Amino acid sequence: MWVFGYGSLIWKVDFSYESKIVGYIKGYLRRFYQHSIDHRGIPEKPGRVVTLIPSEDSNSTVWGVAYKIRSEDIEHVTNHLDYREKNGYSKKTVTFYPKDKGLEPFDLTLYVATKDNESYAGPASIEEIAKQVINCHGPSGSNKDYVYNLTKAMREIAPDVYDDHLFSLEAALRRLDKDLK
């Protein structure tokens, strides 16, 4: 079993895995369109975290990390991720394309929050998302740290890839952070 991390699973892996591979999936866009009331916000003040939305361009890519789960750990890791991603996420199987061109593409599982879940926040401007994220905190920490950790991790695993939505949000947050100091 392979699992794809495109958000906090890139930098906050809290399960056992056998190996990991950097790469991408096609046909999706990473967007901060999901409310977080259980990790990066609370019900009274939801944060925003990433989900994937279908792209009109089938060649759009979302970079992340594929984790190979040992056979003996599949049940435990699946139960753990089902709980961790409980706030509106469901499982989907997609094709993963390794960064290492010597490796063949393969199918894996990912968790995606669709428009029909109760915590779907939907589209908003980068500025609106930044204003929501800047002051949100939840059991897993501050919402802005989620964005900063994700941008840092993406620059490390895919330094030649520019994720406009993610990096624009980071820039907007840094401007707001600077104004708060």
N, C-alpha and C. Protein backbone atom coordinates (compact mmCIF):
# COMPACT_ATOMS: atom_id res chain seq x y z
N MET A 1 0.84 -1.18 0.00
CA MET A 1 0.00 0.00 0.00
C MET A 1 0.88 1.24 0.00
N TRP A 2 0.51 2.19 -0.83
CA TRP A 2 1.18 3.49 -0.89
C TRP A 2 0.16 4.58 -0.56
N VAL A 3 0.62 5.62 0.16
CA VAL A 3 -0.22 6.75 0.53
C VAL A 3 0.48 8.02 0.07
N PHE A 4 -0.30 8.97 -0.48
CA PHE A 4 0.24 10.23 -0.98
C PHE A 4 0.01 11.35 0.02
N GLY A 5 1.09 12.05 0.35
CA GLY A 5 1.02 13.23 1.20
C GLY A 5 1.22 14.48 0.37
N TYR A 6 0.27 15.40 0.42
CA TYR A 6 0.37 16.66 -0.33
C TYR A 6 0.16 17.88 0.57
N GLY A 7 -0.10 17.64 1.84
CA GLY A 7 -0.26 18.70 2.83
C GLY A 7 0.66 18.40 4.00
N SER A 8 0.09 18.34 5.19
CA SER A 8 0.92 18.11 6.38
C SER A 8 1.60 16.75 6.36
N LEU A 9 1.09 15.80 5.58
CA LEU A 9 1.76 14.49 5.52
C LEU A 9 3.14 14.59 4.86
N ILE A 10 3.44 15.70 4.23
CA ILE A 10 4.79 15.88 3.67
C ILE A 10 5.79 16.10 4.80
N TRP A 11 5.41 16.88 5.79
CA TRP A 11 6.36 17.26 6.84
C TRP A 11 5.99 16.78 8.24
N LYS A 12 4.82 16.21 8.40
CA LYS A 12 4.40 15.73 9.72
C LYS A 12 3.88 14.30 9.59
N VAL A 13 4.80 13.39 9.35
CA VAL A 13 4.45 11.99 9.17
C VAL A 13 4.44 11.34 10.55
N ASP A 14 3.29 10.86 10.96
CA ASP A 14 3.16 10.28 12.29
C ASP A 14 2.71 8.82 12.22
N PHE A 15 3.25 8.11 11.22
CA PHE A 15 2.99 6.69 11.07
C PHE A 15 4.23 6.02 10.51
N SER A 16 4.30 4.71 10.67
CA SER A 16 5.45 3.95 10.16
C SER A 16 5.31 3.73 8.66
N TYR A 17 6.43 3.84 7.98
CA TYR A 17 6.45 3.55 6.55
C TYR A 17 7.79 2.90 6.20
N GLU A 18 7.78 2.16 5.11
CA GLU A 18 8.95 1.42 4.67
C GLU A 18 9.89 2.30 3.85
N SER A 19 9.32 3.10 2.97
CA SER A 19 10.13 4.00 2.14
C SER A 19 9.26 5.15 1.67
N LYS A 20 9.91 6.18 1.13
CA LYS A 20 9.16 7.32 0.60
C LYS A 20 9.79 7.78 -0.70
N ILE A 21 8.94 8.32 -1.58
CA ILE A 21 9.39 8.76 -2.90
C ILE A 21 8.73 10.12 -3.18
N VAL A 22 9.51 11.06 -3.64
CA VAL A 22 8.98 12.36 -4.06
C VAL A 22 8.45 12.24 -5.49
N GLY A 23 7.35 12.89 -5.75
CA GLY A 23 6.77 12.87 -7.09
C GLY A 23 5.48 13.66 -7.13
N TYR A 24 4.64 13.35 -8.09
CA TYR A 24 3.43 14.14 -8.29
C TYR A 24 2.28 13.29 -8.80
N ILE A 25 1.09 13.87 -8.71
CA ILE A 25 -0.10 13.31 -9.33
C ILE A 25 -0.56 14.32 -10.37
N LYS A 26 -1.39 13.89 -11.31
CA LYS A 26 -1.86 14.78 -12.38
C LYS A 26 -3.37 15.02 -12.28
N GLY A 27 -3.78 16.17 -12.85
CA GLY A 27 -5.20 16.46 -12.97
C GLY A 27 -5.82 17.13 -11.77
N TYR A 28 -5.00 17.57 -10.83
CA TYR A 28 -5.50 18.22 -9.62
C TYR A 28 -4.74 19.51 -9.34
N LEU A 29 -5.33 20.33 -8.45
CA LEU A 29 -4.70 21.52 -7.92
C LEU A 29 -4.77 21.46 -6.40
N ARG A 30 -3.70 21.88 -5.72
CA ARG A 30 -3.68 21.95 -4.26
C ARG A 30 -4.28 23.32 -3.88
N ARG A 31 -5.31 23.31 -3.02
CA ARG A 31 -5.97 24.55 -2.63
C ARG A 31 -6.32 24.54 -1.15
N PHE A 32 -6.27 25.70 -0.52
CA PHE A 32 -6.67 25.87 0.87
C PHE A 32 -8.18 26.09 0.93
N TYR A 33 -8.91 25.07 0.55
CA TYR A 33 -10.37 25.16 0.45
C TYR A 33 -11.09 24.31 1.50
N GLN A 34 -10.37 23.79 2.47
CA GLN A 34 -10.97 22.94 3.49
C GLN A 34 -10.83 23.58 4.86
N HIS A 35 -11.94 23.72 5.59
CA HIS A 35 -11.87 24.20 6.97
C HIS A 35 -11.25 23.13 7.85
N SER A 36 -10.54 23.57 8.86
CA SER A 36 -9.97 22.67 9.86
C SER A 36 -10.52 23.09 11.22
N ILE A 37 -11.35 22.23 11.80
CA ILE A 37 -11.88 22.50 13.13
C ILE A 37 -11.30 21.55 14.16
N ASP A 38 -10.46 20.62 13.69
CA ASP A 38 -9.90 19.61 14.58
C ASP A 38 -8.37 19.60 14.64
N HIS A 39 -7.71 20.36 13.79
CA HIS A 39 -6.24 20.39 13.80
C HIS A 39 -5.69 21.81 13.84
N ARG A 40 -6.08 22.65 12.90
CA ARG A 40 -5.50 23.99 12.77
C ARG A 40 -6.50 25.11 13.05
N GLY A 41 -7.59 24.73 13.66
CA GLY A 41 -8.63 25.68 14.06
C GLY A 41 -9.56 24.97 15.01
N ILE A 42 -10.62 25.66 15.41
CA ILE A 42 -11.64 25.09 16.29
C ILE A 42 -13.00 25.39 15.66
N PRO A 43 -14.05 24.71 16.11
CA PRO A 43 -15.36 24.94 15.48
C PRO A 43 -15.79 26.41 15.45
N GLU A 44 -15.47 27.16 16.49
CA GLU A 44 -15.85 28.57 16.54
C GLU A 44 -14.98 29.45 15.64
N LYS A 45 -13.80 28.96 15.31
CA LYS A 45 -12.86 29.74 14.49
C LYS A 45 -12.06 28.76 13.63
N PRO A 46 -12.67 28.26 12.55
CA PRO A 46 -11.99 27.26 11.73
C PRO A 46 -10.79 27.81 10.97
N GLY A 47 -9.75 27.00 10.92
CA GLY A 47 -8.60 27.32 10.09
C GLY A 47 -8.84 26.82 8.68
N ARG A 48 -7.83 26.91 7.84
CA ARG A 48 -7.90 26.38 6.47
C ARG A 48 -6.69 25.51 6.21
N VAL A 49 -6.96 24.36 5.61
CA VAL A 49 -5.90 23.43 5.22
C VAL A 49 -6.13 23.03 3.77
N VAL A 50 -5.18 22.31 3.21
CA VAL A 50 -5.28 21.97 1.79
C VAL A 50 -6.14 20.76 1.53
N THR A 51 -6.73 20.79 0.35
CA THR A 51 -7.35 19.64 -0.26
C THR A 51 -6.97 19.70 -1.73
N LEU A 52 -7.45 18.76 -2.49
CA LEU A 52 -7.20 18.75 -3.93
C LEU A 52 -8.52 19.00 -4.65
N ILE A 53 -8.46 19.81 -5.68
CA ILE A 53 -9.64 20.00 -6.53
C ILE A 53 -9.27 19.57 -7.94
N PRO A 54 -10.24 19.00 -8.65
CA PRO A 54 -9.95 18.61 -10.04
C PRO A 54 -9.57 19.84 -10.86
N SER A 55 -8.60 19.68 -11.73
CA SER A 55 -8.16 20.75 -12.61
C SER A 55 -8.79 20.58 -13.99
N GLU A 56 -9.03 21.70 -14.65
CA GLU A 56 -9.51 21.64 -16.03
C GLU A 56 -8.41 21.14 -16.96
N ASP A 57 -7.16 21.28 -16.51
CA ASP A 57 -6.00 20.82 -17.28
C ASP A 57 -5.56 19.46 -16.74
N SER A 58 -5.74 18.41 -17.53
CA SER A 58 -5.40 17.06 -17.06
C SER A 58 -3.90 16.89 -16.81
N ASN A 59 -3.08 17.84 -17.28
CA ASN A 59 -1.64 17.77 -17.04
C ASN A 59 -1.19 18.59 -15.84
N SER A 60 -2.12 19.24 -15.13
CA SER A 60 -1.76 19.95 -13.90
C SER A 60 -1.14 18.95 -12.93
N THR A 61 -0.19 19.41 -12.14
CA THR A 61 0.46 18.50 -11.20
C THR A 61 0.40 19.04 -9.78
N VAL A 62 0.35 18.12 -8.85
CA VAL A 62 0.49 18.42 -7.43
C VAL A 62 1.63 17.55 -6.92
N TRP A 63 2.67 18.20 -6.43
CA TRP A 63 3.83 17.49 -5.92
C TRP A 63 3.64 17.14 -4.46
N GLY A 64 4.25 16.03 -4.08
CA GLY A 64 4.18 15.58 -2.70
C GLY A 64 5.06 14.36 -2.50
N VAL A 65 4.70 13.56 -1.52
CA VAL A 65 5.51 12.40 -1.16
C VAL A 65 4.62 11.16 -1.08
N ALA A 66 5.08 10.08 -1.69
CA ALA A 66 4.41 8.78 -1.59
C ALA A 66 5.13 7.96 -0.52
N TYR A 67 4.34 7.39 0.38
CA TYR A 67 4.88 6.56 1.46
C TYR A 67 4.43 5.12 1.26
N LYS A 68 5.40 4.21 1.26
CA LYS A 68 5.08 2.79 1.15
C LYS A 68 4.88 2.24 2.56
N ILE A 69 3.71 1.66 2.76
CA ILE A 69 3.36 1.12 4.07
C ILE A 69 3.65 -0.38 4.07
N ARG A 70 4.36 -0.86 5.09
CA ARG A 70 4.63 -2.29 5.22
C ARG A 70 3.32 -3.06 5.36
N SER A 71 3.26 -4.24 4.80
CA SER A 71 2.05 -5.07 4.84
C SER A 71 1.51 -5.21 6.26
N GLU A 72 2.40 -5.45 7.21
CA GLU A 72 1.96 -5.66 8.58
C GLU A 72 1.44 -4.39 9.25
N ASP A 73 1.70 -3.22 8.65
CA ASP A 73 1.26 -1.95 9.22
C ASP A 73 0.04 -1.35 8.52
N ILE A 74 -0.43 -1.97 7.43
CA ILE A 74 -1.51 -1.38 6.63
C ILE A 74 -2.75 -1.10 7.46
N GLU A 75 -3.21 -2.07 8.23
CA GLU A 75 -4.44 -1.87 9.01
C GLU A 75 -4.28 -0.73 10.02
N HIS A 76 -3.17 -0.74 10.74
CA HIS A 76 -2.92 0.30 11.76
C HIS A 76 -2.81 1.69 11.11
N VAL A 77 -2.04 1.80 10.04
CA VAL A 77 -1.85 3.09 9.39
C VAL A 77 -3.16 3.58 8.76
N THR A 78 -3.91 2.67 8.14
CA THR A 78 -5.19 3.05 7.56
C THR A 78 -6.14 3.57 8.63
N ASN A 79 -6.24 2.87 9.76
CA ASN A 79 -7.10 3.32 10.85
C ASN A 79 -6.64 4.68 11.37
N HIS A 80 -5.33 4.85 11.51
CA HIS A 80 -4.78 6.12 11.98
C HIS A 80 -5.11 7.26 11.02
N LEU A 81 -4.88 7.04 9.72
CA LEU A 81 -5.15 8.10 8.74
C LEU A 81 -6.65 8.36 8.59
N ASP A 82 -7.46 7.33 8.66
CA ASP A 82 -8.91 7.54 8.62
C ASP A 82 -9.34 8.45 9.75
N TYR A 83 -8.74 8.29 10.93
CA TYR A 83 -9.06 9.15 12.06
C TYR A 83 -8.47 10.54 11.87
N ARG A 84 -7.21 10.61 11.48
CA ARG A 84 -6.53 11.90 11.31
C ARG A 84 -7.24 12.76 10.26
N GLU A 85 -7.73 12.15 9.21
CA GLU A 85 -8.35 12.88 8.10
C GLU A 85 -9.89 12.82 8.17
N LYS A 86 -10.41 12.69 9.37
CA LYS A 86 -11.85 12.48 9.56
C LYS A 86 -12.71 13.68 9.22
N ASN A 87 -12.16 14.87 9.26
CA ASN A 87 -12.96 16.08 9.09
C ASN A 87 -13.24 16.37 7.62
N GLY A 88 -13.92 15.44 6.95
CA GLY A 88 -14.36 15.70 5.58
C GLY A 88 -13.56 15.04 4.48
N TYR A 89 -12.54 14.29 4.82
CA TYR A 89 -11.70 13.66 3.80
C TYR A 89 -12.15 12.23 3.51
N SER A 90 -12.01 11.84 2.26
CA SER A 90 -12.29 10.46 1.87
C SER A 90 -11.15 9.96 1.00
N LYS A 91 -11.06 8.64 0.86
CA LYS A 91 -9.96 8.03 0.12
C LYS A 91 -10.27 7.95 -1.37
N LYS A 92 -9.21 8.09 -2.14
CA LYS A 92 -9.30 7.99 -3.60
C LYS A 92 -8.01 7.34 -4.09
N THR A 93 -8.10 6.60 -5.18
CA THR A 93 -6.92 6.00 -5.80
C THR A 93 -6.56 6.78 -7.05
N VAL A 94 -5.29 7.16 -7.17
CA VAL A 94 -4.80 7.91 -8.32
C VAL A 94 -3.44 7.36 -8.73
N THR A 95 -2.95 7.80 -9.88
CA THR A 95 -1.62 7.40 -10.35
C THR A 95 -0.59 8.41 -9.87
N PHE A 96 0.51 7.90 -9.35
CA PHE A 96 1.62 8.70 -8.84
C PHE A 96 2.79 8.59 -9.81
N TYR A 97 3.44 9.72 -10.10
CA TYR A 97 4.57 9.78 -11.01
C TYR A 97 5.82 10.17 -10.23
N PRO A 98 6.74 9.22 -10.01
CA PRO A 98 7.95 9.53 -9.25
C PRO A 98 8.83 10.58 -9.94
N LYS A 99 9.46 11.40 -9.12
CA LYS A 99 10.42 12.40 -9.61
C LYS A 99 11.59 11.68 -10.31
N ASP A 100 12.00 10.56 -9.75
CA ASP A 100 13.06 9.74 -10.33
C ASP A 100 12.50 9.05 -11.57
N LYS A 101 12.91 9.51 -12.74
CA LYS A 101 12.38 9.00 -14.00
C LYS A 101 12.71 7.53 -14.25
N GLY A 102 13.60 6.97 -13.43
CA GLY A 102 13.91 5.55 -13.55
C GLY A 102 12.85 4.65 -12.92
N LEU A 103 11.89 5.26 -12.22
CA LEU A 103 10.83 4.50 -11.57
C LEU A 103 9.53 4.64 -12.36
N GLU A 104 8.77 3.58 -12.41
CA GLU A 104 7.50 3.57 -13.14
C GLU A 104 6.38 4.21 -12.30
N PRO A 105 5.42 4.88 -12.94
CA PRO A 105 4.24 5.37 -12.22
C PRO A 105 3.49 4.20 -11.59
N PHE A 106 2.80 4.48 -10.50
CA PHE A 106 2.02 3.44 -9.82
C PHE A 106 0.82 4.07 -9.12
N ASP A 107 -0.17 3.24 -8.81
CA ASP A 107 -1.36 3.71 -8.11
C ASP A 107 -1.10 3.79 -6.62
N LEU A 108 -1.74 4.78 -6.00
CA LEU A 108 -1.66 4.93 -4.56
C LEU A 108 -2.96 5.52 -4.04
N THR A 109 -3.05 5.60 -2.72
CA THR A 109 -4.22 6.14 -2.04
C THR A 109 -3.92 7.55 -1.58
N LEU A 110 -4.91 8.43 -1.70
CA LEU A 110 -4.78 9.75 -1.12
C LEU A 110 -6.10 10.10 -0.44
N TYR A 111 -6.03 11.07 0.44
CA TYR A 111 -7.22 11.57 1.12
C TYR A 111 -7.54 12.94 0.54
N VAL A 112 -8.78 13.10 0.12
CA VAL A 112 -9.20 14.35 -0.50
C VAL A 112 -10.55 14.77 0.08
N ALA A 113 -10.68 16.06 0.33
CA ALA A 113 -11.95 16.60 0.83
C ALA A 113 -12.72 17.17 -0.36
N THR A 114 -13.87 16.63 -0.61
CA THR A 114 -14.66 17.07 -1.76
C THR A 114 -15.63 18.19 -1.35
N LYS A 115 -16.21 18.83 -2.35
CA LYS A 115 -17.11 19.96 -2.13
C LYS A 115 -18.32 19.61 -1.28
N ASP A 116 -18.70 18.36 -1.24
CA ASP A 116 -19.93 17.99 -0.54
C ASP A 116 -19.73 17.64 0.94
N ASN A 117 -18.55 17.88 1.49
CA ASN A 117 -18.38 17.61 2.92
C ASN A 117 -18.69 18.87 3.72
N GLU A 118 -19.10 18.69 4.96
CA GLU A 118 -19.58 19.82 5.77
C GLU A 118 -18.51 20.85 6.11
N SER A 119 -17.24 20.50 6.01
CA SER A 119 -16.17 21.45 6.32
C SER A 119 -15.53 22.06 5.08
N TYR A 120 -16.12 21.84 3.92
CA TYR A 120 -15.57 22.43 2.70
C TYR A 120 -15.74 23.95 2.77
N ALA A 121 -14.65 24.68 2.70
CA ALA A 121 -14.68 26.14 2.79
C ALA A 121 -14.90 26.78 1.43
N GLY A 122 -14.38 26.15 0.40
CA GLY A 122 -14.55 26.66 -0.95
C GLY A 122 -13.56 27.75 -1.30
N PRO A 123 -13.66 28.23 -2.53
CA PRO A 123 -12.74 29.25 -3.02
C PRO A 123 -12.88 30.57 -2.27
N ALA A 124 -11.79 31.28 -2.20
CA ALA A 124 -11.72 32.63 -1.66
C ALA A 124 -10.44 33.24 -2.21
N SER A 125 -10.33 34.56 -2.11
CA SER A 125 -9.09 35.20 -2.57
C SER A 125 -7.95 34.83 -1.63
N ILE A 126 -6.75 34.95 -2.12
CA ILE A 126 -5.57 34.68 -1.29
C ILE A 126 -5.59 35.57 -0.05
N GLU A 127 -5.97 36.82 -0.22
CA GLU A 127 -6.01 37.76 0.91
C GLU A 127 -7.04 37.32 1.95
N GLU A 128 -8.21 36.87 1.50
CA GLU A 128 -9.24 36.40 2.43
C GLU A 128 -8.77 35.15 3.18
N ILE A 129 -8.14 34.24 2.47
CA ILE A 129 -7.64 33.02 3.11
C ILE A 129 -6.56 33.40 4.13
N ALA A 130 -5.66 34.29 3.77
CA ALA A 130 -4.59 34.71 4.68
C ALA A 130 -5.17 35.34 5.94
N LYS A 131 -6.19 36.18 5.79
CA LYS A 131 -6.81 36.81 6.96
C LYS A 131 -7.46 35.79 7.88
N GLN A 132 -7.98 34.72 7.30
CA GLN A 132 -8.58 33.66 8.12
C GLN A 132 -7.48 32.85 8.81
N VAL A 133 -6.42 32.52 8.09
CA VAL A 133 -5.35 31.66 8.60
C VAL A 133 -4.52 32.33 9.68
N ILE A 134 -4.27 33.62 9.57
CA ILE A 134 -3.27 34.31 10.40
C ILE A 134 -3.52 34.16 11.90
N ASN A 135 -4.78 34.12 12.32
CA ASN A 135 -5.07 34.08 13.76
C ASN A 135 -5.68 32.78 14.24
N CYS A 136 -5.71 31.75 13.41
CA CYS A 136 -6.33 30.49 13.81
C CYS A 136 -5.32 29.55 14.48
N HIS A 137 -5.80 28.88 15.50
CA HIS A 137 -5.02 27.87 16.22
C HIS A 137 -5.92 26.70 16.52
N GLY A 138 -5.34 25.52 16.58
CA GLY A 138 -6.09 24.32 16.94
C GLY A 138 -5.20 23.37 17.70
N PRO A 139 -5.68 22.18 17.98
CA PRO A 139 -4.90 21.20 18.74
C PRO A 139 -3.54 20.85 18.13
N SER A 140 -3.42 20.98 16.80
CA SER A 140 -2.14 20.65 16.14
C SER A 140 -1.24 21.87 15.96
N GLY A 141 -1.67 23.04 16.45
CA GLY A 141 -0.84 24.23 16.36
C GLY A 141 -1.49 25.33 15.54
N SER A 142 -0.69 26.35 15.23
CA SER A 142 -1.22 27.50 14.51
C SER A 142 -1.42 27.19 13.03
N ASN A 143 -2.43 27.82 12.48
CA ASN A 143 -2.73 27.62 11.06
C ASN A 143 -1.62 28.21 10.19
N LYS A 144 -1.06 29.35 10.60
CA LYS A 144 0.00 29.95 9.77
C LYS A 144 1.24 29.06 9.75
N ASP A 145 1.53 28.36 10.86
CA ASP A 145 2.67 27.44 10.86
C ASP A 145 2.46 26.28 9.90
N TYR A 146 1.22 25.85 9.75
CA TYR A 146 0.88 24.81 8.76
C TYR A 146 1.30 25.29 7.37
N VAL A 147 0.96 26.52 7.03
CA VAL A 147 1.31 27.08 5.71
C VAL A 147 2.83 27.21 5.60
N TYR A 148 3.46 27.77 6.61
CA TYR A 148 4.91 27.96 6.56
C TYR A 148 5.66 26.62 6.47
N ASN A 149 5.21 25.62 7.23
CA ASN A 149 5.86 24.30 7.17
C ASN A 149 5.66 23.63 5.82
N LEU A 150 4.48 23.81 5.25
CA LEU A 150 4.22 23.21 3.94
C LEU A 150 5.06 23.87 2.85
N THR A 151 5.15 25.19 2.87
CA THR A 151 5.96 25.87 1.84
C THR A 151 7.44 25.50 1.97
N LYS A 152 7.92 25.42 3.20
CA LYS A 152 9.32 25.03 3.43
C LYS A 152 9.56 23.62 2.91
N ALA A 153 8.65 22.70 3.24
CA ALA A 153 8.80 21.31 2.80
C ALA A 153 8.75 21.21 1.28
N MET A 154 7.87 21.96 0.64
CA MET A 154 7.77 21.90 -0.82
C MET A 154 9.05 22.42 -1.48
N ARG A 155 9.63 23.46 -0.91
CA ARG A 155 10.89 23.98 -1.47
C ARG A 155 12.02 22.96 -1.32
N GLU A 156 11.94 22.15 -0.29
CA GLU A 156 12.97 21.13 -0.08
C GLU A 156 12.79 19.93 -1.01
N ILE A 157 11.55 19.46 -1.17
CA ILE A 157 11.35 18.24 -1.96
C ILE A 157 11.25 18.50 -3.46
N ALA A 158 10.81 19.70 -3.83
CA ALA A 158 10.64 20.02 -5.26
C ALA A 158 11.06 21.48 -5.50
N PRO A 159 12.35 21.76 -5.37
CA PRO A 159 12.82 23.14 -5.44
C PRO A 159 12.56 23.84 -6.77
N ASP A 160 12.35 23.10 -7.84
CA ASP A 160 12.12 23.71 -9.15
C ASP A 160 10.64 23.88 -9.46
N VAL A 161 9.77 23.53 -8.52
CA VAL A 161 8.33 23.59 -8.74
C VAL A 161 7.76 24.81 -8.02
N TYR A 162 6.98 25.61 -8.75
CA TYR A 162 6.35 26.78 -8.15
C TYR A 162 4.85 26.53 -8.05
N ASP A 163 4.36 26.46 -6.83
CA ASP A 163 2.94 26.28 -6.56
C ASP A 163 2.37 27.67 -6.27
N ASP A 164 1.75 28.29 -7.27
CA ASP A 164 1.31 29.67 -7.16
C ASP A 164 0.37 29.91 -5.98
N HIS A 165 -0.63 29.08 -5.82
CA HIS A 165 -1.60 29.25 -4.73
C HIS A 165 -0.90 29.19 -3.37
N LEU A 166 -0.09 28.17 -3.18
CA LEU A 166 0.61 27.97 -1.91
C LEU A 166 1.58 29.11 -1.62
N PHE A 167 2.42 29.44 -2.58
CA PHE A 167 3.44 30.46 -2.33
C PHE A 167 2.86 31.87 -2.26
N SER A 168 1.76 32.11 -2.96
CA SER A 168 1.08 33.41 -2.84
C SER A 168 0.46 33.57 -1.46
N LEU A 169 -0.10 32.48 -0.93
CA LEU A 169 -0.65 32.52 0.42
C LEU A 169 0.45 32.76 1.44
N GLU A 170 1.57 32.10 1.26
CA GLU A 170 2.70 32.31 2.17
C GLU A 170 3.12 33.78 2.17
N ALA A 171 3.24 34.38 0.99
CA ALA A 171 3.64 35.79 0.90
C ALA A 171 2.62 36.70 1.58
N ALA A 172 1.34 36.44 1.38
CA ALA A 172 0.29 37.25 2.01
C ALA A 172 0.34 37.11 3.53
N LEU A 173 0.59 35.90 4.02
CA LEU A 173 0.70 35.69 5.46
C LEU A 173 1.91 36.41 6.05
N ARG A 174 3.02 36.37 5.33
CA ARG A 174 4.23 37.06 5.83
C ARG A 174 4.00 38.56 5.91
N ARG A 175 3.26 39.11 4.94
CA ARG A 175 2.93 40.55 5.01
C ARG A 175 2.05 40.83 6.23
N LEU A 176 1.05 40.01 6.45
CA LEU A 176 0.17 40.20 7.63
C LEU A 176 0.95 40.01 8.92
N ASP A 177 1.82 39.01 8.97
CA ASP A 177 2.66 38.76 10.14
C ASP A 177 3.52 39.97 10.46
N LYS A 178 4.10 40.54 9.42
CA LYS A 178 4.97 41.71 9.58
C LYS A 178 4.17 42.90 10.13
N ASP A 179 2.94 43.07 9.64
CA ASP A 179 2.10 44.17 10.10
C ASP A 179 1.68 44.00 11.55
N LEU A 180 1.59 42.74 12.02
CA LEU A 180 1.19 42.48 13.40
C LEU A 180 2.31 42.73 14.41
N LYS A 181 3.54 42.77 13.90
CA LYS A 181 4.69 42.94 14.82
C LYS A 181 5.04 44.39 15.03
